[in-house]
Amino acid sequence: PLPKNVVGVLADCGFSSPKGIIRKCAKDLHYPVDLIYPFIKLGAKLFGHFDLEEYSPLEALKTCKIPVIFFHGEADDYVPCDMSLEMYEVCTSPKKLVTVPDAGHGLVYLVDNQKYFDSVALGKRIVCPTYVYTGFGDDTCSTIGVIAAYNEMTCKKQLIIYQGMEHNCSTSYANGVPKHKYTSDVENFKVP
């Protein structure tokens, strides 16, 4: 279950199954999928202390109670757009699907920012205290888009921008990276 303060989910180019995306990527790299997958699963168990098949985004969405917005580029050759469509179809909560032709992985904002910003307007509906993290090195989720959503939020909030953080950088790793903090007390913080 999600913490009570999670009031919505923005799923950008999400995968519907860890096993499915790993097998797809292994195939793209011309690895023998049936041979290599058991080793990847074992590595996750030994080094990451989790089971790749223990949790399922599809099963979670069947019992989801909070709004979910799905973004996906139709030209995504990393995570197939069909995975978001599959999740959208099983989601039982209020939902919205935004797909953009010609957008690759994580590029919906750059290819059609009007569709993205229309959906980001949901930021006004976030009412719980919120931390928002972004990094100037993130080529997938543009810092400008994150700040645009942040500016629409009327709740108590804090924006933390890491100078060199990339898309897949965890906050524990980023703890040593120089950062700038902005809070909702800073008046009229806007993108320069």
C-alpha atoms as a PDB file:
ATOM      1  CA  PRO A   1       0.000   0.000   0.000  1.00  0.00           C
ATOM      2  CA  LEU A   2       1.041   3.568  -0.667  1.00  0.00           C
ATOM      3  CA  PRO A   3       1.566   6.075   2.156  1.00  0.00           C
ATOM      4  CA  LYS A   4      -1.560   8.149   2.893  1.00  0.00           C
ATOM      5  CA  ASN A   5       0.092  11.346   1.683  1.00  0.00           C
ATOM      6  CA  VAL A   6       0.400   9.993  -1.898  1.00  0.00           C
ATOM      7  CA  VAL A   7      -2.590  11.556  -3.649  1.00  0.00           C
ATOM      8  CA  GLY A   8      -1.780  10.820  -7.291  1.00  0.00           C
ATOM      9  CA  VAL A   9       0.636   9.069  -9.645  1.00  0.00           C
ATOM     10  CA  LEU A  10       2.324  10.433 -12.752  1.00  0.00           C
ATOM     11  CA  ALA A  11       3.627   7.449 -14.714  1.00  0.00           C
ATOM     12  CA  ASP A  12       5.964   8.623 -17.495  1.00  0.00           C
ATOM     13  CA  CYS A  13       6.945   5.795 -19.874  1.00  0.00           C
ATOM     14  CA  GLY A  14       6.237   3.155 -17.248  1.00  0.00           C
ATOM     15  CA  PHE A  15       6.724  -0.560 -17.735  1.00  0.00           C
ATOM     16  CA  SER A  16       3.973  -3.045 -16.924  1.00  0.00           C
ATOM     17  CA  SER A  17       6.255  -5.855 -15.758  1.00  0.00           C
ATOM     18  CA  PRO A  18       9.869  -5.938 -14.511  1.00  0.00           C
ATOM     19  CA  LYS A  19      10.267  -9.354 -16.099  1.00  0.00           C
ATOM     20  CA  GLY A  20       8.759  -8.115 -19.358  1.00  0.00           C
ATOM     21  CA  ILE A  21      11.011  -5.063 -19.702  1.00  0.00           C
ATOM     22  CA  ILE A  22      14.153  -6.995 -18.746  1.00  0.00           C
ATOM     23  CA  ARG A  23      13.376  -9.705 -21.292  1.00  0.00           C
ATOM     24  CA  LYS A  24      12.649  -7.046 -23.945  1.00  0.00           C
ATOM     25  CA  CYS A  25      15.944  -5.233 -23.272  1.00  0.00           C
ATOM     26  CA  ALA A  26      17.925  -8.489 -23.249  1.00  0.00           C
ATOM     27  CA  LYS A  27      16.408  -9.386 -26.611  1.00  0.00           C
ATOM     28  CA  ASP A  28      17.262  -5.911 -27.991  1.00  0.00           C
ATOM     29  CA  LEU A  29      20.878  -6.513 -26.930  1.00  0.00           C
ATOM     30  CA  HIS A  30      20.832  -9.900 -28.704  1.00  0.00           C
ATOM     31  CA  TYR A  31      21.314 -11.850 -25.482  1.00  0.00           C
ATOM     32  CA  PRO A  32      19.818 -15.357 -25.173  1.00  0.00           C
ATOM     33  CA  VAL A  33      16.785 -14.238 -23.147  1.00  0.00           C
ATOM     34  CA  ASP A  34      15.787 -17.615 -21.718  1.00  0.00           C
ATOM     35  CA  LEU A  35      19.366 -18.241 -20.616  1.00  0.00           C
ATOM     36  CA  ILE A  36      20.212 -14.819 -19.153  1.00  0.00           C
ATOM     37  CA  TYR A  37      16.951 -13.894 -17.369  1.00  0.00           C
ATOM     38  CA  PRO A  38      17.382 -16.409 -14.499  1.00  0.00           C
ATOM     39  CA  PHE A  39      20.819 -14.908 -13.793  1.00  0.00           C
ATOM     40  CA  ILE A  40      19.436 -11.365 -13.780  1.00  0.00           C
ATOM     41  CA  LYS A  41      16.650 -12.479 -11.425  1.00  0.00           C
ATOM     42  CA  LEU A  42      19.226 -14.162  -9.160  1.00  0.00           C
ATOM     43  CA  GLY A  43      21.400 -11.017  -9.182  1.00  0.00           C
ATOM     44  CA  ALA A  44      18.426  -8.891  -8.112  1.00  0.00           C
ATOM     45  CA  LYS A  45      17.774 -11.303  -5.257  1.00  0.00           C
ATOM     46  CA  LEU A  46      21.413 -11.549  -4.101  1.00  0.00           C
ATOM     47  CA  PHE A  47      22.554  -7.958  -4.585  1.00  0.00           C
ATOM     48  CA  GLY A  48      19.325  -5.948  -4.493  1.00  0.00           C
ATOM     49  CA  HIS A  49      17.495  -8.142  -1.975  1.00  0.00           C
ATOM     50  CA  PHE A  50      14.251  -8.200  -3.993  1.00  0.00           C
ATOM     51  CA  ASP A  51      12.397 -10.558  -6.283  1.00  0.00           C
ATOM     52  CA  LEU A  52      11.730  -9.221  -9.774  1.00  0.00           C
ATOM     53  CA  GLU A  53       8.463 -11.139  -9.944  1.00  0.00           C
ATOM     54  CA  GLU A  54       7.158 -10.394  -6.439  1.00  0.00           C
ATOM     55  CA  TYR A  55       5.334  -7.187  -7.364  1.00  0.00           C
ATOM     56  CA  SER A  56       3.345  -6.346 -10.456  1.00  0.00           C
ATOM     57  CA  PRO A  57       2.395  -2.853 -11.642  1.00  0.00           C
ATOM     58  CA  LEU A  58      -0.611  -4.434 -13.363  1.00  0.00           C
ATOM     59  CA  GLU A  59      -1.862  -6.054 -10.153  1.00  0.00           C
ATOM     60  CA  ALA A  60      -1.286  -2.849  -8.179  1.00  0.00           C
ATOM     61  CA  LEU A  61      -3.306  -0.812 -10.671  1.00  0.00           C
ATOM     62  CA  LYS A  62      -6.240  -3.213 -10.378  1.00  0.00           C
ATOM     63  CA  THR A  63      -6.707  -2.052  -6.781  1.00  0.00           C
ATOM     64  CA  CYS A  64      -5.443   1.526  -7.127  1.00  0.00           C
ATOM     65  CA  LYS A  65      -7.618   4.169  -5.423  1.00  0.00           C
ATOM     66  CA  ILE A  66      -5.802   7.372  -6.414  1.00  0.00           C
ATOM     67  CA  PRO A  67      -5.750   9.186  -9.789  1.00  0.00           C
ATOM     68  CA  VAL A  68      -3.104   8.062 -12.291  1.00  0.00           C
ATOM     69  CA  ILE A  69      -1.929   9.872 -15.404  1.00  0.00           C
ATOM     70  CA  PHE A  70       0.031   7.841 -17.939  1.00  0.00           C
ATOM     71  CA  PHE A  71       2.415   9.597 -20.369  1.00  0.00           C
ATOM     72  CA  HIS A  72       4.120   7.663 -23.147  1.00  0.00           C
ATOM     73  CA  GLY A  73       5.794   8.410 -26.459  1.00  0.00           C
ATOM     74  CA  GLU A  74       4.463   6.259 -29.271  1.00  0.00           C
ATOM     75  CA  ALA A  75       7.984   6.063 -30.750  1.00  0.00           C
ATOM     76  CA  ASP A  76       9.513   4.809 -27.486  1.00  0.00           C
ATOM     77  CA  ASP A  77      11.847   1.986 -28.501  1.00  0.00           C
ATOM     78  CA  TYR A  78      13.064   1.383 -24.947  1.00  0.00           C
ATOM     79  CA  VAL A  79       9.805   0.821 -23.036  1.00  0.00           C
ATOM     80  CA  PRO A  80       7.064  -0.030 -25.538  1.00  0.00           C
ATOM     81  CA  CYS A  81       4.036   2.275 -25.471  1.00  0.00           C
ATOM     82  CA  ASP A  82       1.864  -0.854 -25.280  1.00  0.00           C
ATOM     83  CA  MET A  83       3.001  -1.276 -21.672  1.00  0.00           C
ATOM     84  CA  SER A  84       1.337   2.025 -20.664  1.00  0.00           C
ATOM     85  CA  LEU A  85      -1.760   1.098 -22.652  1.00  0.00           C
ATOM     86  CA  GLU A  86      -1.895  -2.233 -20.837  1.00  0.00           C
ATOM     87  CA  MET A  87      -1.627  -0.502 -17.449  1.00  0.00           C
ATOM     88  CA  TYR A  88      -4.225   2.108 -18.392  1.00  0.00           C
ATOM     89  CA  GLU A  89      -6.700  -0.620 -19.340  1.00  0.00           C
ATOM     90  CA  VAL A  90      -6.465  -2.429 -15.978  1.00  0.00           C
ATOM     91  CA  CYS A  91      -6.346   0.723 -13.815  1.00  0.00           C
ATOM     92  CA  THR A  92      -9.552   0.985 -11.754  1.00  0.00           C
ATOM     93  CA  SER A  93      -9.014   4.488 -10.355  1.00  0.00           C
ATOM     94  CA  PRO A  94      -9.593   7.838 -12.114  1.00  0.00           C
ATOM     95  CA  LYS A  95      -7.072   7.866 -14.954  1.00  0.00           C
ATOM     96  CA  LYS A  96      -5.847   9.681 -18.033  1.00  0.00           C
ATOM     97  CA  LEU A  97      -3.684   8.421 -20.882  1.00  0.00           C
ATOM     98  CA  VAL A  98      -1.528  10.824 -22.894  1.00  0.00           C
ATOM     99  CA  THR A  99       0.412   9.350 -25.828  1.00  0.00           C
ATOM    100  CA  VAL A 100       2.380  11.432 -28.299  1.00  0.00           C
ATOM    101  CA  PRO A 101       3.330  10.300 -31.814  1.00  0.00           C
ATOM    102  CA  ASP A 102       7.031  10.656 -32.665  1.00  0.00           C
ATOM    103  CA  ALA A 103       8.038  10.948 -28.983  1.00  0.00           C
ATOM    104  CA  GLY A 104      10.756   8.569 -27.814  1.00  0.00           C
ATOM    105  CA  HIS A 105      11.435   7.371 -24.271  1.00  0.00           C
ATOM    106  CA  GLY A 106      10.825  10.146 -21.751  1.00  0.00           C
ATOM    107  CA  LEU A 107      10.406  12.762 -24.479  1.00  0.00           C
ATOM    108  CA  VAL A 108       6.662  13.529 -24.365  1.00  0.00           C
ATOM    109  CA  TYR A 109       7.419  16.897 -22.767  1.00  0.00           C
ATOM    110  CA  LEU A 110       9.944  17.869 -25.449  1.00  0.00           C
ATOM    111  CA  VAL A 111       7.896  16.679 -28.441  1.00  0.00           C
ATOM    112  CA  ASP A 112       4.496  18.016 -27.361  1.00  0.00           C
ATOM    113  CA  ASN A 113       4.845  20.168 -24.294  1.00  0.00           C
ATOM    114  CA  GLN A 114       1.305  21.526 -24.706  1.00  0.00           C
ATOM    115  CA  LYS A 115      -0.156  18.069 -23.996  1.00  0.00           C
ATOM    116  CA  TYR A 116       2.276  17.703 -21.123  1.00  0.00           C
ATOM    117  CA  PHE A 117       1.528  21.102 -19.599  1.00  0.00           C
ATOM    118  CA  ASP A 118      -2.225  20.581 -19.937  1.00  0.00           C
ATOM    119  CA  SER A 119      -1.774  17.483 -17.820  1.00  0.00           C
ATOM    120  CA  VAL A 120       0.699  19.138 -15.470  1.00  0.00           C
ATOM    121  CA  ALA A 121      -2.112  21.555 -14.616  1.00  0.00           C
ATOM    122  CA  LEU A 122      -3.108  18.775 -12.241  1.00  0.00           C
ATOM    123  CA  GLY A 123      -0.378  20.234 -10.003  1.00  0.00           C
ATOM    124  CA  LYS A 124      -3.008  22.677  -8.728  1.00  0.00           C
ATOM    125  CA  ARG A 125      -4.897  19.728  -7.250  1.00  0.00           C
ATOM    126  CA  ILE A 126      -1.982  18.527  -5.082  1.00  0.00           C
ATOM    127  CA  VAL A 127      -2.854  19.518  -1.527  1.00  0.00           C
ATOM    128  CA  CYS A 128      -0.469  17.553   0.686  1.00  0.00           C
ATOM    129  CA  PRO A 129       3.004  18.829   1.670  1.00  0.00           C
ATOM    130  CA  THR A 130       5.327  17.794  -1.149  1.00  0.00           C
ATOM    131  CA  TYR A 131       9.035  17.483  -1.886  1.00  0.00           C
ATOM    132  CA  VAL A 132       9.914  17.825  -5.564  1.00  0.00           C
ATOM    133  CA  TYR A 133      13.346  16.651  -6.760  1.00  0.00           C
ATOM    134  CA  THR A 134      14.957  17.328 -10.117  1.00  0.00           C
ATOM    135  CA  GLY A 135      18.426  17.510 -11.596  1.00  0.00           C
ATOM    136  CA  PHE A 136      20.014  19.720 -14.221  1.00  0.00           C
ATOM    137  CA  GLY A 137      21.579  16.612 -15.767  1.00  0.00           C
ATOM    138  CA  ASP A 138      18.190  14.906 -16.325  1.00  0.00           C
ATOM    139  CA  ASP A 139      17.581  14.620 -20.061  1.00  0.00           C
ATOM    140  CA  THR A 140      14.387  12.586 -19.549  1.00  0.00           C
ATOM    141  CA  CYS A 141      12.316  14.781 -17.213  1.00  0.00           C
ATOM    142  CA  SER A 142      13.266  18.339 -18.042  1.00  0.00           C
ATOM    143  CA  THR A 143      13.959  20.567 -15.047  1.00  0.00           C
ATOM    144  CA  ILE A 144      11.849  23.249 -16.723  1.00  0.00           C
ATOM    145  CA  GLY A 145       8.843  20.891 -16.865  1.00  0.00           C
ATOM    146  CA  VAL A 146       9.303  19.903 -13.234  1.00  0.00           C
ATOM    147  CA  ILE A 147       9.509  23.559 -12.184  1.00  0.00           C
ATOM    148  CA  ALA A 148       6.394  24.344 -14.245  1.00  0.00           C
ATOM    149  CA  ALA A 149       4.438  21.698 -12.333  1.00  0.00           C
ATOM    150  CA  TYR A 150       5.960  22.908  -9.048  1.00  0.00           C
ATOM    151  CA  ASN A 151       4.831  26.464  -9.774  1.00  0.00           C
ATOM    152  CA  GLU A 152       1.237  25.258 -10.189  1.00  0.00           C
ATOM    153  CA  MET A 153       1.179  23.556  -6.788  1.00  0.00           C
ATOM    154  CA  THR A 154      -0.485  25.606  -4.049  1.00  0.00           C
ATOM    155  CA  CYS A 155       0.394  23.275  -1.166  1.00  0.00           C
ATOM    156  CA  LYS A 156       3.325  23.605   1.218  1.00  0.00           C
ATOM    157  CA  LYS A 157       6.205  22.481  -0.960  1.00  0.00           C
ATOM    158  CA  GLN A 158       9.942  22.325  -1.369  1.00  0.00           C
ATOM    159  CA  LEU A 159      11.841  22.106  -4.645  1.00  0.00           C
ATOM    160  CA  ILE A 160      15.313  20.574  -4.527  1.00  0.00           C
ATOM    161  CA  ILE A 161      17.453  20.915  -7.646  1.00  0.00           C
ATOM    162  CA  TYR A 162      20.636  18.868  -7.894  1.00  0.00           C
ATOM    163  CA  GLN A 163      23.231  20.421 -10.188  1.00  0.00           C
ATOM    164  CA  GLY A 164      24.463  17.263 -11.905  1.00  0.00           C
ATOM    165  CA  MET A 165      21.786  14.697 -11.066  1.00  0.00           C
ATOM    166  CA  GLU A 166      20.642  12.573 -13.984  1.00  0.00           C
ATOM    167  CA  HIS A 167      17.290  10.824 -14.435  1.00  0.00           C
ATOM    168  CA  ASN A 168      18.187   7.528 -12.781  1.00  0.00           C
ATOM    169  CA  CYS A 169      20.093   9.034  -9.854  1.00  0.00           C
ATOM    170  CA  SER A 170      18.689   8.061  -6.461  1.00  0.00           C
ATOM    171  CA  THR A 171      18.335  10.669  -3.744  1.00  0.00           C
ATOM    172  CA  SER A 172      20.748   8.705  -1.552  1.00  0.00           C
ATOM    173  CA  TYR A 173      23.421   9.041  -4.243  1.00  0.00           C
ATOM    174  CA  ALA A 174      22.516  12.670  -4.767  1.00  0.00           C
ATOM    175  CA  ASN A 175      23.082  13.513  -1.100  1.00  0.00           C
ATOM    176  CA  GLY A 176      26.689  14.313  -1.960  1.00  0.00           C
ATOM    177  CA  VAL A 177      25.783  16.394  -5.038  1.00  0.00           C
ATOM    178  CA  PRO A 178      25.586  20.210  -4.708  1.00  0.00           C
ATOM    179  CA  LYS A 179      21.961  21.318  -4.572  1.00  0.00           C
ATOM    180  CA  HIS A 180      19.756  24.360  -4.372  1.00  0.00           C
ATOM    181  CA  LYS A 181      16.615  24.371  -2.212  1.00  0.00           C
ATOM    182  CA  TYR A 182      13.562  26.505  -2.816  1.00  0.00           C
ATOM    183  CA  THR A 183      10.523  26.434  -0.559  1.00  0.00           C
ATOM    184  CA  SER A 184       6.966  27.639  -0.925  1.00  0.00           C
ATOM    185  CA  ASP A 185       8.039  30.603   1.214  1.00  0.00           C
ATOM    186  CA  VAL A 186      10.135  31.912  -1.686  1.00  0.00           C
ATOM    187  CA  GLU A 187       7.827  34.329  -3.442  1.00  0.00           C
ATOM    188  CA  ASN A 188       7.327  34.087  -7.188  1.00  0.00           C
ATOM    189  CA  PHE A 189      10.031  31.516  -7.887  1.00  0.00           C
ATOM    190  CA  LYS A 190       9.831  31.093 -11.656  1.00  0.00           C
ATOM    191  CA  VAL A 191      11.998  29.708 -14.418  1.00  0.00           C
ATOM    192  CA  PRO A 192      14.368  32.507 -15.517  1.00  0.00           C
END
